[in-house]
Amino acid sequence: MVVFPNCKINLGLHITRKREDGYHDLETIFYPIQVTDIIEFIKAPIFSFQSTGQPVNGNPNHNLCVKAYDLLKSRFPLLPGIKVHLHKAIPMGAGLGGGSSDAAFLLKTLNDYFFLGLVHEQLVDLSLQLGSDCPFFISNVPCIGTGRGEILEPVDLNLAGYHVVLIYPGIIVSTADAFTGIKPGIPQHSVRSNIVEPPDTWKEWMVNDFETSVFQKFPVIGKIKVQLYEAGAVYASMSGSGSACFGIFKTPVDITFPASYTVFKVPLQ
């Protein structure tokens, strides 16, 4: 069985409140992008996992794909063993949700393949145990995200016909770096009000609150955003807490970045 977990971008991102549990509430729009990893699995006597492609840091036993299988195994003890091969194309630490997507897609696919009978709401609840972004990839349609990002409301937003350029400069932004200088508050212009306007106007109002601190510590990321606008993007932003940036263009664009950067150019759907 082969599946292709896609990534996401954030259209605007506001940190609205620091919660008593230490997490932060946010407001954003998640939009799925067809840049994908590849997951292949087959039945096996015991569970095993391997990865190729983009580097995957940390202990392989802590990979979200492993955690997704273990989570299902704890609920369904008779779940058969599988051999999982993950080929990474979505870079880690980019703010594109690649790991969360891998886990969510594996949950959904194993549920269907082994006829586990979990309904959408149950898959969402399980995926939230793996990460705040995971529930989005269960639905995998444009959504307004609030709370930690797990409270999702599908939104009528169709960017088909536009083109996106994603650029990852190979910088991993720590949570501490991203939250440096963040002052939570209710934004003057919510993402909900912004998206009813044409994408050409988004740059006037739609912002990612993480950009101020991240661009200050890593000026090269801010420079990427400037280059995207110089190349004709109607809207450009950093995705999530970085470090990937994206530009939305009306037509395909020829834009060059250093060979050390990971660059994707895809039509939006």
Protein backbone atom coordinates (compact mmCIF):
# COMPACT_ATOMS: atom_id res chain seq x y z
CA MET A 1 0.00 0.00 0.00
CA VAL A 2 1.37 3.41 -0.99
CA VAL A 3 0.08 6.84 0.11
CA PHE A 4 1.33 10.37 -0.51
CA PRO A 5 1.04 12.64 2.57
CA ASN A 6 1.01 16.29 1.50
CA CYS A 7 2.20 19.39 3.31
CA LYS A 8 0.41 22.62 4.26
CA ILE A 9 1.03 26.33 4.40
CA ASN A 10 -0.34 28.88 6.85
CA LEU A 11 -2.18 31.84 5.39
CA GLY A 12 -1.72 34.32 8.21
CA LEU A 13 -0.98 33.24 11.77
CA HIS A 14 -1.87 35.14 14.93
CA ILE A 15 -0.91 34.17 18.47
CA THR A 16 -3.99 35.26 20.39
CA ARG A 17 -3.43 34.04 23.96
CA LYS A 18 -1.03 32.19 26.25
CA ARG A 19 -2.93 29.47 28.04
CA GLU A 20 -2.60 28.27 31.61
CA ASP A 21 -1.31 24.89 30.36
CA GLY A 22 1.68 26.62 28.75
CA TYR A 23 0.42 26.29 25.17
CA HIS A 24 -0.64 29.23 23.02
CA ASP A 25 -3.92 29.77 21.23
CA LEU A 26 -3.64 30.80 17.62
CA GLU A 27 -5.70 31.74 14.59
CA THR A 28 -4.61 30.69 11.13
CA ILE A 29 -5.75 29.24 7.84
CA PHE A 30 -4.31 25.87 6.86
CA TYR A 31 -4.14 25.27 3.13
CA PRO A 32 -3.05 21.88 1.69
CA ILE A 33 -0.21 21.87 -0.83
CA GLN A 34 0.61 18.96 -3.14
CA VAL A 35 4.22 18.56 -2.16
CA THR A 36 4.27 15.07 -0.75
CA ASP A 37 6.19 12.43 1.14
CA ILE A 38 5.72 8.76 0.19
CA ILE A 39 4.70 6.06 2.66
CA GLU A 40 4.71 2.43 1.63
CA PHE A 41 3.74 -0.39 3.96
CA ILE A 42 3.26 -4.13 3.67
CA LYS A 43 2.11 -6.75 6.15
CA ALA A 44 4.92 -8.26 8.19
CA PRO A 45 5.35 -10.51 11.23
CA ILE A 46 6.38 -7.53 13.36
CA PHE A 47 6.35 -3.76 12.99
CA SER A 48 9.43 -2.11 11.48
CA PHE A 49 10.19 1.37 10.16
CA GLN A 50 12.80 2.91 7.90
CA SER A 51 13.15 6.26 6.15
CA THR A 52 15.02 7.63 3.16
CA GLY A 53 15.18 10.99 1.39
CA GLN A 54 15.31 14.22 3.39
CA PRO A 55 17.11 13.82 6.73
CA VAL A 56 14.90 12.77 9.66
CA ASN A 57 16.51 13.87 12.91
CA GLY A 58 16.21 12.04 16.19
CA ASN A 59 15.60 8.45 17.22
CA PRO A 60 13.67 6.57 14.50
CA ASN A 61 11.63 4.90 17.24
CA HIS A 62 10.22 8.34 18.09
CA ASN A 63 9.10 9.10 14.53
CA LEU A 64 5.44 10.09 14.32
CA CYS A 65 4.75 7.18 11.97
CA VAL A 66 5.94 4.80 14.68
CA LYS A 67 3.84 6.63 17.25
CA ALA A 68 0.79 6.47 14.97
CA TYR A 69 1.10 2.70 14.61
CA ASP A 70 1.69 2.25 18.36
CA LEU A 71 -1.38 4.38 19.10
CA LEU A 72 -3.58 2.18 16.91
CA LYS A 73 -1.97 -0.98 18.32
CA SER A 74 -2.85 0.13 21.85
CA ARG A 75 -6.48 0.46 20.79
CA PHE A 76 -6.54 -2.62 18.54
CA PRO A 77 -4.18 -5.21 20.09
CA LEU A 78 -4.77 -7.63 17.19
CA LEU A 79 -3.54 -5.08 14.62
CA PRO A 80 -1.11 -6.99 12.35
CA GLY A 81 2.52 -6.06 12.05
CA ILE A 82 3.61 -3.93 9.09
CA LYS A 83 6.85 -2.86 7.48
CA VAL A 84 6.82 0.89 6.85
CA HIS A 85 9.09 2.74 4.43
CA LEU A 86 8.86 6.53 4.59
CA HIS A 87 10.52 8.53 1.82
CA LYS A 88 10.81 12.13 2.92
CA ALA A 89 10.52 14.98 0.43
CA ILE A 90 8.96 17.52 2.81
CA PRO A 91 11.84 18.88 4.92
CA MET A 92 11.68 18.68 8.70
CA GLY A 93 11.60 21.85 10.77
CA ALA A 94 10.17 23.87 7.91
CA GLY A 95 6.71 24.77 9.25
CA LEU A 96 5.08 22.68 6.52
CA GLY A 97 3.63 19.96 8.75
CA GLY A 98 5.34 17.04 7.01
CA GLY A 99 5.68 14.84 10.09
CA SER A 100 2.12 15.53 11.18
CA SER A 101 0.87 14.68 7.70
CA ASP A 102 2.80 11.39 7.68
CA ALA A 103 1.22 10.36 10.98
CA ALA A 104 -2.31 11.41 10.02
CA PHE A 105 -2.16 9.68 6.64
CA LEU A 106 -0.87 6.49 8.24
CA LEU A 107 -3.72 6.55 10.76
CA LYS A 108 -6.29 7.04 8.00
CA THR A 109 -4.80 4.43 5.70
CA LEU A 110 -4.39 1.73 8.36
CA ASN A 111 -7.98 2.37 9.47
CA ASP A 112 -9.21 1.73 5.93
CA TYR A 113 -6.79 -1.08 5.05
CA PHE A 114 -7.50 -3.15 8.14
CA PHE A 115 -11.22 -2.21 8.38
CA LEU A 116 -10.84 -0.82 11.90
CA GLY A 117 -14.09 1.13 11.65
CA LEU A 118 -12.92 4.43 13.11
CA VAL A 119 -15.06 7.36 11.98
CA HIS A 120 -13.71 10.81 11.11
CA GLU A 121 -14.21 12.26 14.60
CA GLN A 122 -12.39 9.33 16.21
CA LEU A 123 -9.46 9.70 13.83
CA VAL A 124 -9.29 13.41 14.67
CA ASP A 125 -9.23 12.66 18.40
CA LEU A 126 -6.51 10.03 17.99
CA SER A 127 -4.41 12.25 15.74
CA LEU A 128 -4.47 15.07 18.29
CA GLN A 129 -2.56 12.78 20.65
CA LEU A 130 0.28 12.88 18.10
CA GLY A 131 0.42 16.63 17.48
CA SER A 132 -1.61 19.82 17.15
CA ASP A 133 -1.30 19.90 13.33
CA CYS A 134 -2.33 16.28 12.83
CA PRO A 135 -6.13 16.83 12.91
CA PHE A 136 -5.86 19.15 9.91
CA PHE A 137 -4.42 16.37 7.77
CA ILE A 138 -7.28 14.06 8.69
CA SER A 139 -9.63 16.51 6.95
CA ASN A 140 -6.99 17.88 4.53
CA VAL A 141 -9.15 20.72 3.19
CA PRO A 142 -8.70 24.48 3.70
CA CYS A 143 -9.61 25.24 7.31
CA ILE A 144 -9.53 28.04 9.84
CA GLY A 145 -7.56 26.69 12.78
CA THR A 146 -7.96 28.00 16.32
CA GLY A 147 -7.07 26.73 19.78
CA ARG A 148 -3.66 25.06 19.43
CA GLY A 149 -4.58 24.58 15.77
CA GLU A 150 -6.72 21.54 16.48
CA ILE A 151 -10.09 23.34 16.36
CA LEU A 152 -10.89 23.31 12.67
CA GLU A 153 -13.57 24.95 10.59
CA PRO A 154 -13.60 24.20 6.85
CA VAL A 155 -13.55 27.40 4.85
CA ASP A 156 -14.63 28.14 1.29
CA LEU A 157 -11.25 29.06 -0.16
CA ASN A 158 -10.19 27.92 -3.61
CA LEU A 159 -6.81 29.01 -4.98
CA ALA A 160 -6.93 26.76 -8.04
CA GLY A 161 -5.18 28.48 -10.94
CA TYR A 162 -2.52 30.09 -8.75
CA HIS A 163 0.99 28.72 -8.36
CA VAL A 164 3.05 28.42 -5.19
CA VAL A 165 6.80 28.46 -4.70
CA LEU A 166 8.06 26.93 -1.44
CA ILE A 167 11.61 27.65 -0.28
CA TYR A 168 13.32 25.96 2.65
CA PRO A 169 16.77 27.40 3.44
CA GLY A 170 17.83 24.50 5.67
CA ILE A 171 17.44 26.47 8.90
CA ILE A 172 15.65 24.84 11.84
CA VAL A 173 13.88 27.44 13.99
CA SER A 174 13.48 26.39 17.61
CA THR A 175 10.25 27.00 19.48
CA ALA A 176 12.11 29.35 21.82
CA ASP A 177 13.41 31.41 18.90
CA ALA A 178 9.96 31.59 17.31
CA PHE A 179 8.24 32.79 20.48
CA THR A 180 10.89 35.36 21.41
CA GLY A 181 9.18 38.75 21.57
CA ILE A 182 5.70 37.38 20.80
CA LYS A 183 2.98 39.42 22.50
CA PRO A 184 -0.31 37.50 22.25
CA GLY A 185 -3.39 39.51 21.41
CA ILE A 186 -6.53 39.64 19.30
CA PRO A 187 -5.54 40.89 15.82
CA GLN A 188 -7.09 43.99 14.31
CA HIS A 189 -7.76 42.01 11.12
CA SER A 190 -8.68 38.36 11.55
CA VAL A 191 -7.75 35.78 8.94
CA ARG A 192 -11.46 35.10 8.54
CA SER A 193 -12.04 38.63 7.28
CA ASN A 194 -8.88 38.67 5.16
CA ILE A 195 -9.65 35.64 3.01
CA VAL A 196 -12.91 37.03 1.68
CA GLU A 197 -10.74 39.60 -0.12
CA PRO A 198 -8.77 38.83 -3.33
CA PRO A 199 -5.28 37.32 -2.74
CA ASP A 200 -3.77 40.47 -4.28
CA THR A 201 -4.82 42.37 -1.14
CA TRP A 202 -3.65 39.89 1.47
CA LYS A 203 -0.18 41.39 1.84
CA GLU A 204 -1.75 44.56 3.22
CA TRP A 205 -3.42 42.82 6.17
CA MET A 206 -2.47 39.16 6.56
CA VAL A 207 0.61 38.54 8.69
CA ASN A 208 2.40 35.73 10.47
CA ASP A 209 3.19 36.85 14.02
CA PHE A 210 6.28 34.64 14.13
CA GLU A 211 7.99 36.56 11.35
CA THR A 212 9.12 39.46 13.55
CA SER A 213 11.22 37.34 15.91
CA VAL A 214 12.35 34.77 13.32
CA PHE A 215 13.41 37.36 10.73
CA GLN A 216 15.35 39.25 13.39
CA LYS A 217 17.35 36.17 14.38
CA PHE A 218 17.60 34.73 10.85
CA PRO A 219 17.64 37.66 8.38
CA VAL A 220 18.14 35.29 5.44
CA ILE A 221 14.57 34.00 5.94
CA GLY A 222 13.18 37.51 5.74
CA LYS A 223 15.25 38.06 2.59
CA ILE A 224 13.53 35.07 0.96
CA LYS A 225 10.14 36.71 1.51
CA VAL A 226 11.42 39.93 -0.07
CA GLN A 227 12.74 38.00 -3.08
CA LEU A 228 9.37 36.33 -3.58
CA TYR A 229 7.63 39.70 -3.71
CA GLU A 230 10.30 41.04 -6.06
CA ALA A 231 9.58 38.07 -8.34
CA GLY A 232 5.90 39.05 -8.52
CA ALA A 233 4.19 37.11 -5.73
CA VAL A 234 0.71 38.43 -4.92
CA TYR A 235 1.22 37.15 -1.37
CA ALA A 236 4.29 35.81 0.42
CA SER A 237 4.81 34.65 3.98
CA MET A 238 6.70 32.34 6.26
CA SER A 239 4.76 29.15 6.98
CA GLY A 240 4.07 28.30 10.62
CA SER A 241 7.05 29.01 12.84
CA GLY A 242 9.39 28.62 9.86
CA SER A 243 11.75 28.39 8.32
CA ALA A 244 10.10 27.71 4.95
CA CYS A 245 8.62 30.65 3.07
CA PHE A 246 6.16 30.58 0.21
CA GLY A 247 4.98 32.88 -2.52
CA ILE A 248 1.65 32.70 -4.34
CA PHE A 249 1.84 33.70 -8.01
CA LYS A 250 -0.73 34.16 -10.74
CA THR A 251 1.46 32.36 -13.29
CA PRO A 252 4.43 29.98 -13.11
CA VAL A 253 7.59 31.86 -12.22
CA ASP A 254 11.28 31.41 -12.92
CA ILE A 255 13.05 32.25 -9.69
CA THR A 256 16.47 31.08 -8.56
CA PHE A 257 17.75 30.42 -5.05
CA PRO A 258 21.05 28.95 -3.80
CA ALA A 259 21.58 25.28 -4.61
CA SER A 260 21.64 24.48 -0.87
CA TYR A 261 17.96 25.53 -0.58
CA THR A 262 15.08 23.12 -1.13
CA VAL A 263 12.66 24.63 -3.63
CA PHE A 264 9.25 23.37 -4.79
CA LYS A 265 7.10 24.93 -7.52
CA VAL A 266 3.59 23.51 -7.80
CA PRO A 267 0.14 24.59 -9.02
CA LEU A 268 -2.45 25.14 -6.31
CA GLN A 269 -5.60 23.04 -6.18
